[in-house]
Amino acid sequence: MLKPKRDAGSPDLAVVEMRRSLAQRIRELAQKPGEHLTPIPGLSLYHRTSPTHCFRASYEPGLSIFAQGRKRILLGGTEYLCDSSSFLLSSIDVSEQLNDHRVQALALKTI
């Protein structure tokens, strides 16, 4: 019997629940806005409660996962919108302009 195809634009309910659970766990560990270091070397949690103005920043090599909210990144004249369905993988030091929109995220940096 063929399985019904789901719309490619609608996320799997299990994935939605995992994202919600991850955002809740970050909220529990990072109760105040800002960067929160963890006991795990290279792992930081970020929590924002309101949008920020666009500012220059740099990413060290690492992986950023956006659990909730959005982040707009301007890199080399191209704008990227990151949200809970995306991640940012940086293999080199990168400078860009960014704007946070109530982001809860975790970042793993290389050591």
N, C-alpha and C. Protein backbone atom coordinates (compact mmCIF):
# COMPACT_ATOMS: atom_id res chain seq x y z
N MET A 1 0.84 -1.18 0.00
CA MET A 1 0.00 0.00 0.00
C MET A 1 0.88 1.24 0.00
N LEU A 2 0.55 2.20 -0.83
CA LEU A 2 1.31 3.44 -0.91
C LEU A 2 0.99 4.35 0.26
N LYS A 3 2.03 4.98 0.77
CA LYS A 3 1.83 5.96 1.84
C LYS A 3 1.40 7.27 1.21
N PRO A 4 0.49 7.98 1.86
CA PRO A 4 0.12 9.28 1.30
C PRO A 4 1.31 10.24 1.36
N LYS A 5 1.48 11.00 0.30
CA LYS A 5 2.57 11.98 0.28
C LYS A 5 2.15 13.19 1.07
N ARG A 6 3.09 13.71 1.85
CA ARG A 6 2.77 14.94 2.57
C ARG A 6 3.32 16.11 1.77
N ASP A 7 2.70 17.24 1.96
CA ASP A 7 3.11 18.46 1.28
C ASP A 7 4.55 18.79 1.66
N ALA A 8 5.41 19.03 0.68
CA ALA A 8 6.82 19.33 0.95
C ALA A 8 6.98 20.60 1.78
N GLY A 9 5.98 21.48 1.74
CA GLY A 9 6.06 22.72 2.49
C GLY A 9 5.63 22.59 3.94
N SER A 10 5.00 21.48 4.32
CA SER A 10 4.56 21.33 5.71
C SER A 10 5.49 20.38 6.44
N PRO A 11 6.07 20.85 7.57
CA PRO A 11 7.01 20.01 8.30
C PRO A 11 6.33 18.85 9.02
N ASP A 12 7.07 17.80 9.20
CA ASP A 12 6.62 16.63 9.93
C ASP A 12 6.30 17.05 11.37
N LEU A 13 5.21 16.55 11.93
CA LEU A 13 4.81 16.92 13.29
C LEU A 13 5.88 16.55 14.32
N ALA A 14 6.57 15.45 14.12
CA ALA A 14 7.64 15.06 15.05
C ALA A 14 8.77 16.08 15.02
N VAL A 15 9.09 16.60 13.85
CA VAL A 15 10.15 17.62 13.72
C VAL A 15 9.71 18.91 14.41
N VAL A 16 8.46 19.30 14.21
CA VAL A 16 7.92 20.49 14.86
C VAL A 16 8.02 20.34 16.38
N GLU A 17 7.68 19.19 16.89
CA GLU A 17 7.74 18.95 18.34
C GLU A 17 9.19 18.97 18.85
N MET A 18 10.13 18.42 18.08
CA MET A 18 11.54 18.46 18.49
C MET A 18 12.04 19.90 18.55
N ARG A 19 11.67 20.71 17.56
CA ARG A 19 12.09 22.13 17.57
C ARG A 19 11.50 22.85 18.77
N ARG A 20 10.22 22.61 19.05
CA ARG A 20 9.57 23.24 20.19
C ARG A 20 10.24 22.83 21.49
N SER A 21 10.58 21.56 21.60
CA SER A 21 11.24 21.04 22.78
C SER A 21 12.64 21.64 22.95
N LEU A 22 13.38 21.78 21.86
CA LEU A 22 14.71 22.38 21.90
C LEU A 22 14.62 23.84 22.34
N ALA A 23 13.67 24.59 21.78
CA ALA A 23 13.50 26.00 22.17
C ALA A 23 13.14 26.10 23.66
N GLN A 24 12.28 25.22 24.15
CA GLN A 24 11.91 25.23 25.56
C GLN A 24 13.11 24.93 26.45
N ARG A 25 13.92 23.98 26.06
CA ARG A 25 15.12 23.62 26.85
C ARG A 25 16.11 24.78 26.88
N ILE A 26 16.29 25.46 25.75
CA ILE A 26 17.17 26.63 25.72
C ILE A 26 16.62 27.71 26.65
N ARG A 27 15.29 27.94 26.61
CA ARG A 27 14.67 28.92 27.51
C ARG A 27 14.94 28.60 28.97
N GLU A 28 14.91 27.31 29.32
CA GLU A 28 15.16 26.89 30.70
C GLU A 28 16.61 27.15 31.11
N LEU A 29 17.54 26.93 30.19
CA LEU A 29 18.97 27.10 30.49
C LEU A 29 19.45 28.54 30.32
N ALA A 30 18.81 29.29 29.45
CA ALA A 30 19.21 30.68 29.17
C ALA A 30 18.01 31.57 29.46
N GLN A 31 17.76 31.81 30.74
CA GLN A 31 16.54 32.51 31.13
C GLN A 31 16.59 34.01 30.86
N LYS A 32 17.79 34.59 30.82
CA LYS A 32 17.93 36.02 30.56
C LYS A 32 18.48 36.21 29.15
N PRO A 33 18.13 37.32 28.50
CA PRO A 33 18.66 37.57 27.16
C PRO A 33 20.19 37.65 27.15
N GLY A 34 20.77 37.21 26.04
CA GLY A 34 22.21 37.29 25.86
C GLY A 34 22.83 35.94 25.58
N GLU A 35 24.16 35.91 25.65
CA GLU A 35 24.92 34.67 25.41
C GLU A 35 25.10 33.96 26.74
N HIS A 36 24.96 32.64 26.71
CA HIS A 36 25.12 31.82 27.90
C HIS A 36 26.09 30.68 27.58
N LEU A 37 27.23 30.68 28.26
CA LEU A 37 28.20 29.60 28.08
C LEU A 37 27.69 28.38 28.81
N THR A 38 28.05 27.22 28.32
CA THR A 38 27.65 25.97 28.95
C THR A 38 28.90 25.24 29.43
N PRO A 39 28.73 24.20 30.26
CA PRO A 39 29.89 23.42 30.69
C PRO A 39 30.56 22.65 29.55
N ILE A 40 29.89 22.56 28.42
CA ILE A 40 30.43 21.85 27.25
C ILE A 40 31.32 22.82 26.48
N PRO A 41 32.62 22.54 26.37
CA PRO A 41 33.53 23.46 25.66
C PRO A 41 33.04 23.74 24.24
N GLY A 42 32.96 25.03 23.91
CA GLY A 42 32.56 25.43 22.56
C GLY A 42 31.06 25.54 22.34
N LEU A 43 30.23 25.18 23.31
CA LEU A 43 28.77 25.25 23.15
C LEU A 43 28.23 26.46 23.89
N SER A 44 27.58 27.34 23.16
CA SER A 44 26.95 28.53 23.74
C SER A 44 25.47 28.53 23.38
N LEU A 45 24.65 29.09 24.28
CA LEU A 45 23.22 29.27 24.02
C LEU A 45 22.96 30.76 23.93
N TYR A 46 22.09 31.15 23.03
CA TYR A 46 21.75 32.56 22.85
C TYR A 46 20.25 32.73 23.01
N HIS A 47 19.86 33.82 23.66
CA HIS A 47 18.45 34.10 23.89
C HIS A 47 18.23 35.59 23.68
N ARG A 48 17.31 35.93 22.80
CA ARG A 48 16.93 37.33 22.55
C ARG A 48 15.42 37.40 22.75
N THR A 49 14.96 38.50 23.37
CA THR A 49 13.52 38.66 23.60
C THR A 49 12.91 39.74 22.73
N SER A 50 13.74 40.49 22.01
CA SER A 50 13.24 41.53 21.12
C SER A 50 14.21 41.67 19.95
N PRO A 51 13.72 42.23 18.84
CA PRO A 51 14.60 42.41 17.68
C PRO A 51 15.76 43.35 18.02
N THR A 52 16.88 43.16 17.35
CA THR A 52 18.03 44.03 17.52
C THR A 52 18.22 44.84 16.24
N HIS A 53 18.93 45.93 16.37
CA HIS A 53 19.30 46.71 15.19
C HIS A 53 20.37 45.94 14.44
N CYS A 54 20.46 46.19 13.16
CA CYS A 54 21.48 45.54 12.34
C CYS A 54 22.86 45.97 12.83
N PHE A 55 23.76 45.01 13.01
CA PHE A 55 25.11 45.33 13.47
C PHE A 55 26.10 44.37 12.82
N ARG A 56 27.36 44.81 12.80
CA ARG A 56 28.42 43.97 12.24
C ARG A 56 28.82 42.92 13.26
N ALA A 57 29.08 41.73 12.79
CA ALA A 57 29.51 40.65 13.66
C ALA A 57 30.37 39.70 12.85
N SER A 58 30.97 38.75 13.51
CA SER A 58 31.74 37.74 12.80
C SER A 58 31.43 36.38 13.39
N TYR A 59 31.48 35.39 12.54
CA TYR A 59 31.29 34.01 12.96
C TYR A 59 32.63 33.30 12.86
N GLU A 60 33.00 32.63 13.91
CA GLU A 60 34.16 31.76 13.87
C GLU A 60 33.69 30.45 13.26
N PRO A 61 34.60 29.60 12.81
CA PRO A 61 34.16 28.31 12.29
C PRO A 61 33.28 27.61 13.33
N GLY A 62 32.13 27.13 12.89
CA GLY A 62 31.21 26.45 13.80
C GLY A 62 29.85 26.22 13.17
N LEU A 63 28.92 25.77 13.99
CA LEU A 63 27.57 25.44 13.57
C LEU A 63 26.59 26.20 14.46
N SER A 64 25.66 26.92 13.85
CA SER A 64 24.61 27.61 14.59
C SER A 64 23.27 27.00 14.20
N ILE A 65 22.48 26.68 15.21
CA ILE A 65 21.14 26.12 15.00
C ILE A 65 20.15 27.11 15.60
N PHE A 66 19.16 27.51 14.83
CA PHE A 66 18.17 28.48 15.27
C PHE A 66 16.93 27.72 15.73
N ALA A 67 16.72 27.67 17.04
CA ALA A 67 15.63 26.87 17.59
C ALA A 67 14.29 27.60 17.46
N GLN A 68 14.33 28.92 17.49
CA GLN A 68 13.09 29.70 17.45
C GLN A 68 13.43 31.11 16.99
N GLY A 69 12.51 31.75 16.33
CA GLY A 69 12.74 33.12 15.88
C GLY A 69 13.44 33.15 14.52
N ARG A 70 13.91 34.34 14.15
CA ARG A 70 14.57 34.51 12.85
C ARG A 70 15.82 35.35 13.01
N LYS A 71 16.73 35.18 12.08
CA LYS A 71 17.93 36.00 12.02
C LYS A 71 18.15 36.33 10.55
N ARG A 72 18.32 37.62 10.27
CA ARG A 72 18.60 38.05 8.91
C ARG A 72 20.09 38.35 8.84
N ILE A 73 20.78 37.73 7.90
CA ILE A 73 22.22 37.88 7.76
C ILE A 73 22.53 38.43 6.38
N LEU A 74 23.35 39.47 6.34
CA LEU A 74 23.80 40.06 5.09
C LEU A 74 25.26 39.69 4.92
N LEU A 75 25.55 38.93 3.90
CA LEU A 75 26.91 38.43 3.67
C LEU A 75 27.27 38.63 2.20
N GLY A 76 28.28 39.45 1.96
CA GLY A 76 28.73 39.68 0.58
C GLY A 76 27.64 40.23 -0.32
N GLY A 77 26.75 41.06 0.23
CA GLY A 77 25.68 41.64 -0.57
C GLY A 77 24.46 40.75 -0.72
N THR A 78 24.50 39.54 -0.21
CA THR A 78 23.37 38.63 -0.28
C THR A 78 22.73 38.52 1.11
N GLU A 79 21.41 38.59 1.15
CA GLU A 79 20.69 38.50 2.41
C GLU A 79 20.17 37.07 2.61
N TYR A 80 20.38 36.54 3.80
CA TYR A 80 19.91 35.20 4.16
C TYR A 80 18.98 35.34 5.36
N LEU A 81 17.86 34.65 5.33
CA LEU A 81 16.95 34.63 6.46
C LEU A 81 17.03 33.23 7.09
N CYS A 82 17.50 33.18 8.34
CA CYS A 82 17.63 31.92 9.05
C CYS A 82 16.51 31.82 10.07
N ASP A 83 15.91 30.65 10.17
CA ASP A 83 14.86 30.42 11.15
C ASP A 83 14.98 29.00 11.67
N SER A 84 13.94 28.52 12.34
CA SER A 84 14.04 27.20 12.97
C SER A 84 14.13 26.05 11.97
N SER A 85 13.96 26.35 10.69
CA SER A 85 14.10 25.28 9.69
C SER A 85 15.47 25.32 9.02
N SER A 86 16.37 26.17 9.53
CA SER A 86 17.69 26.29 8.90
C SER A 86 18.80 26.30 9.94
N PHE A 87 20.01 26.24 9.44
CA PHE A 87 21.19 26.33 10.31
C PHE A 87 22.27 27.07 9.54
N LEU A 88 23.29 27.49 10.27
CA LEU A 88 24.41 28.19 9.64
C LEU A 88 25.68 27.42 9.95
N LEU A 89 26.36 26.97 8.92
CA LEU A 89 27.62 26.26 9.05
C LEU A 89 28.71 27.14 8.46
N SER A 90 29.69 27.48 9.29
CA SER A 90 30.78 28.34 8.86
C SER A 90 32.09 27.57 9.01
N SER A 91 32.80 27.41 7.91
CA SER A 91 34.07 26.68 7.97
C SER A 91 35.27 27.62 8.05
N ILE A 92 35.03 28.92 7.88
CA ILE A 92 36.09 29.92 7.99
C ILE A 92 35.55 31.10 8.78
N ASP A 93 36.43 31.98 9.27
CA ASP A 93 35.97 33.21 9.93
C ASP A 93 35.20 34.03 8.90
N VAL A 94 34.00 34.48 9.27
CA VAL A 94 33.13 35.21 8.37
C VAL A 94 32.66 36.48 9.07
N SER A 95 32.75 37.61 8.39
CA SER A 95 32.20 38.86 8.90
C SER A 95 30.95 39.19 8.11
N GLU A 96 29.90 39.66 8.81
CA GLU A 96 28.67 40.01 8.14
C GLU A 96 27.88 40.97 9.00
N GLN A 97 26.79 41.46 8.46
CA GLN A 97 25.84 42.26 9.23
C GLN A 97 24.67 41.36 9.55
N LEU A 98 24.14 41.50 10.76
CA LEU A 98 23.02 40.64 11.11
C LEU A 98 22.01 41.39 11.93
N ASN A 99 20.81 40.84 11.97
CA ASN A 99 19.70 41.41 12.70
C ASN A 99 18.93 40.24 13.31
N ASP A 100 18.78 40.23 14.65
CA ASP A 100 18.08 39.16 15.35
C ASP A 100 16.61 39.52 15.53
N HIS A 101 15.77 38.55 15.40
CA HIS A 101 14.35 38.70 15.66
C HIS A 101 13.94 37.65 16.68
N ARG A 102 14.07 37.97 17.95
CA ARG A 102 13.69 37.05 19.03
C ARG A 102 14.27 35.65 18.82
N VAL A 103 15.54 35.56 18.75
CA VAL A 103 16.22 34.30 18.46
C VAL A 103 16.53 33.52 19.74
N GLN A 104 16.30 32.23 19.68
CA GLN A 104 16.83 31.31 20.66
C GLN A 104 17.62 30.31 19.84
N ALA A 105 18.90 30.23 20.14
CA ALA A 105 19.77 29.41 19.29
C ALA A 105 20.86 28.78 20.12
N LEU A 106 21.47 27.75 19.54
CA LEU A 106 22.66 27.19 20.15
C LEU A 106 23.75 27.20 19.10
N ALA A 107 24.97 27.37 19.55
CA ALA A 107 26.09 27.44 18.63
C ALA A 107 27.22 26.55 19.11
N LEU A 108 27.77 25.77 18.22
CA LEU A 108 28.93 24.93 18.51
C LEU A 108 30.11 25.52 17.76
N LYS A 109 31.15 25.91 18.49
CA LYS A 109 32.32 26.49 17.86
C LYS A 109 33.47 25.51 17.93
N THR A 110 34.30 25.55 16.93
CA THR A 110 35.49 24.70 16.94
C THR A 110 36.47 25.21 17.98
N ILE A 111 37.22 24.34 18.55
CA ILE A 111 38.20 24.71 19.59
C ILE A 111 39.60 24.45 19.09
